[in-house]
Amino acid sequence: MTHRFLEDERFVQAAYREIEGITLNNIFTQSFVQGQDDSDIQLSPHAAFVTAVNIYHSKGLLEESYIYRAVEAKTSKQIRDLVDEMYPNVKEYLEQAN
């Protein structure tokens, strides 16, 4: 491994360790996708949405194709529709988590 590779990995992993102190409502709330159907979602909540899809994929709950679809979803309606499609796959996990 090169020094460069380690810096990239450290950059991402260190940020994820900081999640504990972050209020998740600052990252993503329902209000971010309650706009008009064709309104673009802001970049930060979009990144949070894509990350959530990736986490569910990593847990074996969603197929990898959903990550790509999450990246491509840019409007409120696209994200809501994708959540509706994915929800049955994560419903049991979410119910156990709460």
PDB file of N, CA and C in Angstrom:
ATOM      1  N   MET A   1       0.827  -1.180   0.000  1.00  0.00           N
ATOM      2  CA  MET A   1       0.000   0.000   0.000  1.00  0.00           C
ATOM      3  C   MET A   1       0.876   1.249   0.000  1.00  0.00           C
ATOM      4  N   THR A   2       0.415   2.180  -0.758  1.00  0.00           N
ATOM      5  CA  THR A   2       1.164   3.429  -0.810  1.00  0.00           C
ATOM      6  C   THR A   2       0.674   4.383   0.263  1.00  0.00           C
ATOM      7  N   HIS A   3       1.486   5.358   0.562  1.00  0.00           N
ATOM      8  CA  HIS A   3       1.111   6.374   1.537  1.00  0.00           C
ATOM      9  C   HIS A   3      -0.186   7.065   1.102  1.00  0.00           C
ATOM     10  N   ARG A   4      -0.333   7.322  -0.168  1.00  0.00           N
ATOM     11  CA  ARG A   4      -1.529   7.995  -0.692  1.00  0.00           C
ATOM     12  C   ARG A   4      -2.780   7.178  -0.379  1.00  0.00           C
ATOM     13  N   PHE A   5      -2.729   5.899  -0.583  1.00  0.00           N
ATOM     14  CA  PHE A   5      -3.883   5.048  -0.336  1.00  0.00           C
ATOM     15  C   PHE A   5      -4.292   5.098   1.130  1.00  0.00           C
ATOM     16  N   LEU A   6      -3.342   5.078   2.007  1.00  0.00           N
ATOM     17  CA  LEU A   6      -3.656   5.117   3.428  1.00  0.00           C
ATOM     18  C   LEU A   6      -4.311   6.438   3.820  1.00  0.00           C
ATOM     19  N   GLU A   7      -3.884   7.532   3.216  1.00  0.00           N
ATOM     20  CA  GLU A   7      -4.486   8.827   3.520  1.00  0.00           C
ATOM     21  C   GLU A   7      -5.948   8.867   3.100  1.00  0.00           C
ATOM     22  N   ASP A   8      -6.270   8.317   1.962  1.00  0.00           N
ATOM     23  CA  ASP A   8      -7.657   8.294   1.494  1.00  0.00           C
ATOM     24  C   ASP A   8      -8.526   7.470   2.440  1.00  0.00           C
ATOM     25  N   GLU A   9      -8.045   6.308   2.799  1.00  0.00           N
ATOM     26  CA  GLU A   9      -8.782   5.437   3.705  1.00  0.00           C
ATOM     27  C   GLU A   9      -8.966   6.106   5.066  1.00  0.00           C
ATOM     28  N   ARG A  10      -7.919   6.683   5.580  1.00  0.00           N
ATOM     29  CA  ARG A  10      -7.974   7.356   6.879  1.00  0.00           C
ATOM     30  C   ARG A  10      -8.969   8.521   6.844  1.00  0.00           C
ATOM     31  N   PHE A  11      -8.977   9.261   5.746  1.00  0.00           N
ATOM     32  CA  PHE A  11      -9.879  10.395   5.589  1.00  0.00           C
ATOM     33  C   PHE A  11     -11.335   9.965   5.774  1.00  0.00           C
ATOM     34  N   VAL A  12     -11.723   8.902   5.089  1.00  0.00           N
ATOM     35  CA  VAL A  12     -13.107   8.436   5.148  1.00  0.00           C
ATOM     36  C   VAL A  12     -13.410   7.774   6.493  1.00  0.00           C
ATOM     37  N   GLN A  13     -12.536   6.899   6.940  1.00  0.00           N
ATOM     38  CA  GLN A  13     -12.813   6.164   8.176  1.00  0.00           C
ATOM     39  C   GLN A  13     -12.862   7.085   9.391  1.00  0.00           C
ATOM     40  N   ALA A  14     -12.001   8.083   9.442  1.00  0.00           N
ATOM     41  CA  ALA A  14     -12.007   9.018  10.571  1.00  0.00           C
ATOM     42  C   ALA A  14     -13.312   9.807  10.609  1.00  0.00           C
ATOM     43  N   ALA A  15     -13.829  10.189   9.462  1.00  0.00           N
ATOM     44  CA  ALA A  15     -15.090  10.927   9.420  1.00  0.00           C
ATOM     45  C   ALA A  15     -16.236  10.066   9.941  1.00  0.00           C
ATOM     46  N   TYR A  16     -16.265   8.802   9.569  1.00  0.00           N
ATOM     47  CA  TYR A  16     -17.335   7.923  10.018  1.00  0.00           C
ATOM     48  C   TYR A  16     -17.280   7.686  11.523  1.00  0.00           C
ATOM     49  N   ARG A  17     -16.105   7.725  12.108  1.00  0.00           N
ATOM     50  CA  ARG A  17     -16.000   7.575  13.561  1.00  0.00           C
ATOM     51  C   ARG A  17     -16.583   8.780  14.290  1.00  0.00           C
ATOM     52  N   GLU A  18     -16.728   9.885  13.607  1.00  0.00           N
ATOM     53  CA  GLU A  18     -17.268  11.101  14.210  1.00  0.00           C
ATOM     54  C   GLU A  18     -18.788  11.149  14.202  1.00  0.00           C
ATOM     55  N   ILE A  19     -19.434  10.185  13.627  1.00  0.00           N
ATOM     56  CA  ILE A  19     -20.889  10.189  13.501  1.00  0.00           C
ATOM     57  C   ILE A  19     -21.575  10.244  14.856  1.00  0.00           C
ATOM     58  N   GLU A  20     -21.006   9.616  15.850  1.00  0.00           N
ATOM     59  CA  GLU A  20     -21.649   9.521  17.160  1.00  0.00           C
ATOM     60  C   GLU A  20     -22.074  10.881  17.709  1.00  0.00           C
ATOM     61  N   GLY A  21     -21.290  11.902  17.504  1.00  0.00           N
ATOM     62  CA  GLY A  21     -21.608  13.206  18.062  1.00  0.00           C
ATOM     63  C   GLY A  21     -22.461  14.094  17.171  1.00  0.00           C
ATOM     64  N   ILE A  22     -22.972  13.572  16.084  1.00  0.00           N
ATOM     65  CA  ILE A  22     -23.725  14.378  15.123  1.00  0.00           C
ATOM     66  C   ILE A  22     -25.222  14.133  15.305  1.00  0.00           C
ATOM     67  N   THR A  23     -25.982  15.195  15.336  1.00  0.00           N
ATOM     68  CA  THR A  23     -27.435  15.082  15.366  1.00  0.00           C
ATOM     69  C   THR A  23     -27.897  14.746  13.953  1.00  0.00           C
ATOM     70  N   LEU A  24     -28.510  13.595  13.796  1.00  0.00           N
ATOM     71  CA  LEU A  24     -28.880  13.134  12.460  1.00  0.00           C
ATOM     72  C   LEU A  24     -29.911  14.029  11.789  1.00  0.00           C
ATOM     73  N   ASN A  25     -30.693  14.750  12.564  1.00  0.00           N
ATOM     74  CA  ASN A  25     -31.656  15.665  11.960  1.00  0.00           C
ATOM     75  C   ASN A  25     -30.965  16.800  11.211  1.00  0.00           C
ATOM     76  N   ASN A  26     -29.707  17.049  11.497  1.00  0.00           N
ATOM     77  CA  ASN A  26     -28.957  18.053  10.740  1.00  0.00           C
ATOM     78  C   ASN A  26     -28.507  17.507   9.388  1.00  0.00           C
ATOM     79  N   ILE A  27     -28.520  16.199   9.231  1.00  0.00           N
ATOM     80  CA  ILE A  27     -28.046  15.569   8.000  1.00  0.00           C
ATOM     81  C   ILE A  27     -29.201  15.268   7.054  1.00  0.00           C
ATOM     82  N   PHE A  28     -30.297  14.730   7.595  1.00  0.00           N
ATOM     83  CA  PHE A  28     -31.425  14.366   6.737  1.00  0.00           C
ATOM     84  C   PHE A  28     -32.699  14.327   7.557  1.00  0.00           C
ATOM     85  N   THR A  29     -33.707  15.033   7.085  1.00  0.00           N
ATOM     86  CA  THR A  29     -35.052  14.947   7.651  1.00  0.00           C
ATOM     87  C   THR A  29     -36.044  14.865   6.502  1.00  0.00           C
ATOM     88  N   GLN A  30     -37.254  14.521   6.830  1.00  0.00           N
ATOM     89  CA  GLN A  30     -38.309  14.387   5.826  1.00  0.00           C
ATOM     90  C   GLN A  30     -38.495  15.673   5.033  1.00  0.00           C
ATOM     91  N   SER A  31     -38.248  16.799   5.663  1.00  0.00           N
ATOM     92  CA  SER A  31     -38.444  18.082   4.982  1.00  0.00           C
ATOM     93  C   SER A  31     -37.573  18.229   3.737  1.00  0.00           C
ATOM     94  N   PHE A  32     -36.462  17.523   3.683  1.00  0.00           N
ATOM     95  CA  PHE A  32     -35.584  17.626   2.517  1.00  0.00           C
ATOM     96  C   PHE A  32     -36.216  17.045   1.255  1.00  0.00           C
ATOM     97  N   VAL A  33     -37.179  16.164   1.409  1.00  0.00           N
ATOM     98  CA  VAL A  33     -37.802  15.534   0.239  1.00  0.00           C
ATOM     99  C   VAL A  33     -39.297  15.812   0.167  1.00  0.00           C
ATOM    100  N   GLN A  34     -39.751  16.825   0.854  1.00  0.00           N
ATOM    101  CA  GLN A  34     -41.163  17.174   0.830  1.00  0.00           C
ATOM    102  C   GLN A  34     -41.470  18.289  -0.167  1.00  0.00           C
ATOM    103  N   GLY A  35     -40.480  18.697  -0.932  1.00  0.00           N
ATOM    104  CA  GLY A  35     -40.712  19.741  -1.925  1.00  0.00           C
ATOM    105  C   GLY A  35     -41.549  19.239  -3.076  1.00  0.00           C
ATOM    106  N   GLN A  36     -41.704  20.093  -4.052  1.00  0.00           N
ATOM    107  CA  GLN A  36     -42.422  19.690  -5.263  1.00  0.00           C
ATOM    108  C   GLN A  36     -41.707  18.504  -5.882  1.00  0.00           C
ATOM    109  N   ASP A  37     -42.459  17.714  -6.612  1.00  0.00           N
ATOM    110  CA  ASP A  37     -41.912  16.481  -7.174  1.00  0.00           C
ATOM    111  C   ASP A  37     -40.643  16.695  -7.976  1.00  0.00           C
ATOM    112  N   ASP A  38     -40.564  17.798  -8.696  1.00  0.00           N
ATOM    113  CA  ASP A  38     -39.409  18.015  -9.562  1.00  0.00           C
ATOM    114  C   ASP A  38     -38.322  18.873  -8.913  1.00  0.00           C
ATOM    115  N   SER A  39     -38.477  19.193  -7.624  1.00  0.00           N
ATOM    116  CA  SER A  39     -37.458  20.018  -6.978  1.00  0.00           C
ATOM    117  C   SER A  39     -36.237  19.177  -6.633  1.00  0.00           C
ATOM    118  N   ASP A  40     -35.073  19.727  -6.918  1.00  0.00           N
ATOM    119  CA  ASP A  40     -33.820  19.025  -6.637  1.00  0.00           C
ATOM    120  C   ASP A  40     -33.563  18.980  -5.141  1.00  0.00           C
ATOM    121  N   ILE A  41     -33.057  17.854  -4.687  1.00  0.00           N
ATOM    122  CA  ILE A  41     -32.682  17.729  -3.283  1.00  0.00           C
ATOM    123  C   ILE A  41     -31.301  18.365  -3.100  1.00  0.00           C
ATOM    124  N   GLN A  42     -31.066  18.955  -1.957  1.00  0.00           N
ATOM    125  CA  GLN A  42     -29.770  19.565  -1.666  1.00  0.00           C
ATOM    126  C   GLN A  42     -28.686  18.486  -1.626  1.00  0.00           C
ATOM    127  N   LEU A  43     -27.447  18.889  -1.871  1.00  0.00           N
ATOM    128  CA  LEU A  43     -26.354  17.925  -1.967  1.00  0.00           C
ATOM    129  C   LEU A  43     -26.078  17.162  -0.671  1.00  0.00           C
ATOM    130  N   SER A  44     -26.106  17.844   0.460  1.00  0.00           N
ATOM    131  CA  SER A  44     -25.794  17.177   1.718  1.00  0.00           C
ATOM    132  C   SER A  44     -26.810  16.091   2.070  1.00  0.00           C
ATOM    133  N   PRO A  45     -28.122  16.371   2.029  1.00  0.00           N
ATOM    134  CA  PRO A  45     -29.066  15.290   2.297  1.00  0.00           C
ATOM    135  C   PRO A  45     -29.026  14.198   1.229  1.00  0.00           C
ATOM    136  N   HIS A  46     -28.699  14.568   0.001  1.00  0.00           N
ATOM    137  CA  HIS A  46     -28.568  13.542  -1.049  1.00  0.00           C
ATOM    138  C   HIS A  46     -27.424  12.598  -0.710  1.00  0.00           C
ATOM    139  N   ALA A  47     -26.306  13.148  -0.263  1.00  0.00           N
ATOM    140  CA  ALA A  47     -25.162  12.318   0.132  1.00  0.00           C
ATOM    141  C   ALA A  47     -25.535  11.415   1.305  1.00  0.00           C
ATOM    142  N   ALA A  48     -26.306  11.938   2.253  1.00  0.00           N
ATOM    143  CA  ALA A  48     -26.747  11.133   3.394  1.00  0.00           C
ATOM    144  C   ALA A  48     -27.647   9.988   2.932  1.00  0.00           C
ATOM    145  N   PHE A  49     -28.515  10.278   1.977  1.00  0.00           N
ATOM    146  CA  PHE A  49     -29.406   9.249   1.430  1.00  0.00           C
ATOM    147  C   PHE A  49     -28.603   8.148   0.745  1.00  0.00           C
ATOM    148  N   VAL A  50     -27.652   8.536  -0.083  1.00  0.00           N
ATOM    149  CA  VAL A  50     -26.822   7.553  -0.785  1.00  0.00           C
ATOM    150  C   VAL A  50     -26.041   6.713   0.221  1.00  0.00           C
ATOM    151  N   THR A  51     -25.523   7.343   1.256  1.00  0.00           N
ATOM    152  CA  THR A  51     -24.781   6.625   2.292  1.00  0.00           C
ATOM    153  C   THR A  51     -25.677   5.625   3.004  1.00  0.00           C
ATOM    154  N   ALA A  52     -26.908   6.021   3.302  1.00  0.00           N
ATOM    155  CA  ALA A  52     -27.837   5.107   3.956  1.00  0.00           C
ATOM    156  C   ALA A  52     -28.105   3.884   3.083  1.00  0.00           C
ATOM    157  N   VAL A  53     -28.297   4.106   1.797  1.00  0.00           N
ATOM    158  CA  VAL A  53     -28.524   2.987   0.875  1.00  0.00           C
ATOM    159  C   VAL A  53     -27.301   2.080   0.861  1.00  0.00           C
ATOM    160  N   ASN A  54     -26.126   2.655   0.864  1.00  0.00           N
ATOM    161  CA  ASN A  54     -24.891   1.867   0.873  1.00  0.00           C
ATOM    162  C   ASN A  54     -24.775   1.050   2.163  1.00  0.00           C
ATOM    163  N   ILE A  55     -25.171   1.623   3.281  1.00  0.00           N
ATOM    164  CA  ILE A  55     -25.128   0.897   4.555  1.00  0.00           C
ATOM    165  C   ILE A  55     -26.077  -0.302   4.516  1.00  0.00           C
ATOM    166  N   TYR A  56     -27.292  -0.084   4.020  1.00  0.00           N
ATOM    167  CA  TYR A  56     -28.237  -1.204   3.913  1.00  0.00           C
ATOM    168  C   TYR A  56     -27.701  -2.274   2.959  1.00  0.00           C
ATOM    169  N   HIS A  57     -27.050  -1.849   1.893  1.00  0.00           N
ATOM    170  CA  HIS A  57     -26.429  -2.817   0.984  1.00  0.00           C
ATOM    171  C   HIS A  57     -25.344  -3.605   1.710  1.00  0.00           C
ATOM    172  N   SER A  58     -24.508  -2.911   2.483  1.00  0.00           N
ATOM    173  CA  SER A  58     -23.421  -3.568   3.215  1.00  0.00           C
ATOM    174  C   SER A  58     -23.947  -4.580   4.228  1.00  0.00           C
ATOM    175  N   LYS A  59     -25.151  -4.355   4.732  1.00  0.00           N
ATOM    176  CA  LYS A  59     -25.774  -5.287   5.673  1.00  0.00           C
ATOM    177  C   LYS A  59     -26.495  -6.428   4.949  1.00  0.00           C
ATOM    178  N   GLY A  60     -26.471  -6.405   3.620  1.00  0.00           N
ATOM    179  CA  GLY A  60     -27.090  -7.463   2.846  1.00  0.00           C
ATOM    180  C   GLY A  60     -28.584  -7.293   2.641  1.00  0.00           C
ATOM    181  N   LEU A  61     -29.090  -6.099   2.892  1.00  0.00           N
ATOM    182  CA  LEU A  61     -30.525  -5.859   2.785  1.00  0.00           C
ATOM    183  C   LEU A  61     -30.948  -5.339   1.416  1.00  0.00           C
ATOM    184  N   LEU A  62     -30.037  -4.724   0.699  1.00  0.00           N
ATOM    185  CA  LEU A  62     -30.335  -4.155  -0.613  1.00  0.00           C
ATOM    186  C   LEU A  62     -29.292  -4.587  -1.630  1.00  0.00           C
ATOM    187  N   GLU A  63     -29.727  -4.728  -2.860  1.00  0.00           N
ATOM    188  CA  GLU A  63     -28.806  -5.044  -3.946  1.00  0.00           C
ATOM    189  C   GLU A  63     -27.949  -3.816  -4.280  1.00  0.00           C
ATOM    190  N   GLU A  64     -26.774  -4.055  -4.822  1.00  0.00           N
ATOM    191  CA  GLU A  64     -25.858  -2.972  -5.167  1.00  0.00           C
ATOM    192  C   GLU A  64     -26.472  -1.998  -6.169  1.00  0.00           C
ATOM    193  N   SER A  65     -27.347  -2.478  -7.014  1.00  0.00           N
ATOM    194  CA  SER A  65     -27.957  -1.604  -8.020  1.00  0.00           C
ATOM    195  C   SER A  65     -28.703  -0.428  -7.379  1.00  0.00           C
ATOM    196  N   TYR A  66     -29.182  -0.607  -6.165  1.00  0.00           N
ATOM    197  CA  TYR A  66     -29.867   0.486  -5.482  1.00  0.00           C
ATOM    198  C   TYR A  66     -28.921   1.642  -5.154  1.00  0.00           C
ATOM    199  N   ILE A  67     -27.657   1.348  -4.949  1.00  0.00           N
ATOM    200  CA  ILE A  67     -26.692   2.426  -4.693  1.00  0.00           C
ATOM    201  C   ILE A  67     -26.613   3.324  -5.917  1.00  0.00           C
ATOM    202  N   TYR A  68     -26.499   2.727  -7.083  1.00  0.00           N
ATOM    203  CA  TYR A  68     -26.428   3.503  -8.321  1.00  0.00           C
ATOM    204  C   TYR A  68     -27.709   4.306  -8.534  1.00  0.00           C
ATOM    205  N   ARG A  69     -28.824   3.681  -8.244  1.00  0.00           N
ATOM    206  CA  ARG A  69     -30.104   4.377  -8.415  1.00  0.00           C
ATOM    207  C   ARG A  69     -30.240   5.528  -7.425  1.00  0.00           C
ATOM    208  N   ALA A  70     -29.705   5.351  -6.220  1.00  0.00           N
ATOM    209  CA  ALA A  70     -29.737   6.427  -5.225  1.00  0.00           C
ATOM    210  C   ALA A  70     -28.887   7.604  -5.690  1.00  0.00           C
ATOM    211  N   VAL A  71     -27.743   7.321  -6.275  1.00  0.00           N
ATOM    212  CA  VAL A  71     -26.885   8.391  -6.795  1.00  0.00           C
ATOM    213  C   VAL A  71     -27.611   9.156  -7.892  1.00  0.00           C
ATOM    214  N   GLU A  72     -28.330   8.449  -8.734  1.00  0.00           N
ATOM    215  CA  GLU A  72     -29.023   9.078  -9.855  1.00  0.00           C
ATOM    216  C   GLU A  72     -30.284   9.833  -9.433  1.00  0.00           C
ATOM    217  N   ALA A  73     -30.862   9.482  -8.299  1.00  0.00           N
ATOM    218  CA  ALA A  73     -32.089  10.142  -7.832  1.00  0.00           C
ATOM    219  C   ALA A  73     -31.732  11.547  -7.352  1.00  0.00           C
ATOM    220  N   LYS A  74     -32.258  12.541  -8.014  1.00  0.00           N
ATOM    221  CA  LYS A  74     -31.901  13.928  -7.704  1.00  0.00           C
ATOM    222  C   LYS A  74     -33.075  14.776  -7.238  1.00  0.00           C
ATOM    223  N   THR A  75     -34.292  14.303  -7.475  1.00  0.00           N
ATOM    224  CA  THR A  75     -35.459  15.111  -7.109  1.00  0.00           C
ATOM    225  C   THR A  75     -36.174  14.488  -5.911  1.00  0.00           C
ATOM    226  N   SER A  76     -37.011  15.285  -5.291  1.00  0.00           N
ATOM    227  CA  SER A  76     -37.787  14.812  -4.146  1.00  0.00           C
ATOM    228  C   SER A  76     -38.600  13.573  -4.504  1.00  0.00           C
ATOM    229  N   LYS A  77     -39.288  13.618  -5.634  1.00  0.00           N
ATOM    230  CA  LYS A  77     -40.124  12.487  -6.043  1.00  0.00           C
ATOM    231  C   LYS A  77     -39.291  11.239  -6.317  1.00  0.00           C
ATOM    232  N   GLN A  78     -38.150  11.395  -6.984  1.00  0.00           N
ATOM    233  CA  GLN A  78     -37.309  10.238  -7.273  1.00  0.00           C
ATOM    234  C   GLN A  78     -36.835   9.562  -5.989  1.00  0.00           C
ATOM    235  N   ILE A  79     -36.487  10.363  -5.007  1.00  0.00           N
ATOM    236  CA  ILE A  79     -36.020   9.785  -3.748  1.00  0.00           C
ATOM    237  C   ILE A  79     -37.179   9.131  -3.005  1.00  0.00           C
ATOM    238  N   ARG A  80     -38.314   9.796  -2.929  1.00  0.00           N
ATOM    239  CA  ARG A  80     -39.477   9.198  -2.252  1.00  0.00           C
ATOM    240  C   ARG A  80     -39.875   7.888  -2.924  1.00  0.00           C
ATOM    241  N   ASP A  81     -39.908   7.879  -4.267  1.00  0.00           N
ATOM    242  CA  ASP A  81     -40.275   6.658  -4.993  1.00  0.00           C
ATOM    243  C   ASP A  81     -39.273   5.530  -4.732  1.00  0.00           C
ATOM    244  N   LEU A  82     -38.000   5.867  -4.692  1.00  0.00           N
ATOM    245  CA  LEU A  82     -36.976   4.848  -4.449  1.00  0.00           C
ATOM    246  C   LEU A  82     -37.084   4.306  -3.025  1.00  0.00           C
ATOM    247  N   VAL A  83     -37.339   5.171  -2.061  1.00  0.00           N
ATOM    248  CA  VAL A  83     -37.539   4.703  -0.684  1.00  0.00           C
ATOM    249  C   VAL A  83     -38.741   3.760  -0.630  1.00  0.00           C
ATOM    250  N   ASP A  84     -39.826   4.129  -1.296  1.00  0.00           N
ATOM    251  CA  ASP A  84     -41.012   3.258  -1.317  1.00  0.00           C
ATOM    252  C   ASP A  84     -40.672   1.886  -1.897  1.00  0.00           C
ATOM    253  N   GLU A  85     -39.829   1.865  -2.905  1.00  0.00           N
ATOM    254  CA  GLU A  85     -39.443   0.601  -3.537  1.00  0.00           C
ATOM    255  C   GLU A  85     -38.524  -0.225  -2.629  1.00  0.00           C
ATOM    256  N   MET A  86     -37.616   0.423  -1.933  1.00  0.00           N
ATOM    257  CA  MET A  86     -36.645  -0.288  -1.096  1.00  0.00           C
ATOM    258  C   MET A  86     -37.215  -0.670   0.264  1.00  0.00           C
ATOM    259  N   TYR A  87     -38.192   0.058   0.739  1.00  0.00           N
ATOM    260  CA  TYR A  87     -38.684  -0.106   2.111  1.00  0.00           C
ATOM    261  C   TYR A  87     -39.041  -1.549   2.478  1.00  0.00           C
ATOM    262  N   PRO A  88     -39.732  -2.295   1.618  1.00  0.00           N
ATOM    263  CA  PRO A  88     -40.050  -3.676   1.994  1.00  0.00           C
ATOM    264  C   PRO A  88     -38.808  -4.514   2.309  1.00  0.00           C
ATOM    265  N   ASN A  89     -37.682  -4.188   1.688  1.00  0.00           N
ATOM    266  CA  ASN A  89     -36.449  -4.944   1.921  1.00  0.00           C
ATOM    267  C   ASN A  89     -35.795  -4.622   3.265  1.00  0.00           C
ATOM    268  N   VAL A  90     -36.084  -3.461   3.810  1.00  0.00           N
ATOM    269  CA  VAL A  90     -35.452  -3.045   5.069  1.00  0.00           C
ATOM    270  C   VAL A  90     -36.462  -2.918   6.211  1.00  0.00           C
ATOM    271  N   LYS A  91     -37.725  -3.142   5.939  1.00  0.00           N
ATOM    272  CA  LYS A  91     -38.785  -2.925   6.931  1.00  0.00           C
ATOM    273  C   LYS A  91     -38.533  -3.709   8.210  1.00  0.00           C
ATOM    274  N   GLU A  92     -38.273  -4.987   8.105  1.00  0.00           N
ATOM    275  CA  GLU A  92     -38.059  -5.820   9.302  1.00  0.00           C
ATOM    276  C   GLU A  92     -36.846  -5.334  10.099  1.00  0.00           C
ATOM    277  N   TYR A  93     -35.778  -4.989   9.401  1.00  0.00           N
ATOM    278  CA  TYR A  93     -34.580  -4.474  10.062  1.00  0.00           C
ATOM    279  C   TYR A  93     -34.911  -3.181  10.812  1.00  0.00           C
ATOM    280  N   LEU A  94     -35.648  -2.276  10.190  1.00  0.00           N
ATOM    281  CA  LEU A  94     -35.997  -1.000  10.816  1.00  0.00           C
ATOM    282  C   LEU A  94     -36.902  -1.203  12.026  1.00  0.00           C
ATOM    283  N   GLU A  95     -37.810  -2.145  11.940  1.00  0.00           N
ATOM    284  CA  GLU A  95     -38.699  -2.412  13.066  1.00  0.00           C
ATOM    285  C   GLU A  95     -37.927  -2.983  14.248  1.00  0.00           C
ATOM    286  N   GLN A  96     -36.918  -3.795  13.998  1.00  0.00           N
ATOM    287  CA  GLN A  96     -36.103  -4.353  15.075  1.00  0.00           C
ATOM    288  C   GLN A  96     -35.185  -3.299  15.677  1.00  0.00           C
ATOM    289  N   ALA A  97     -34.786  -2.332  14.869  1.00  0.00           N
ATOM    290  CA  ALA A  97     -33.865  -1.297  15.330  1.00  0.00           C
ATOM    291  C   ALA A  97     -34.556  -0.292  16.224  1.00  0.00           C
ATOM    292  N   ASN A  98     -35.851  -0.139  16.099  1.00  0.00           N
ATOM    293  CA  ASN A  98     -36.588   0.858  16.903  1.00  0.00           C
ATOM    294  C   ASN A  98     -37.214   0.272  18.104  1.00  0.00           C
TER     295      ASN A  98
END
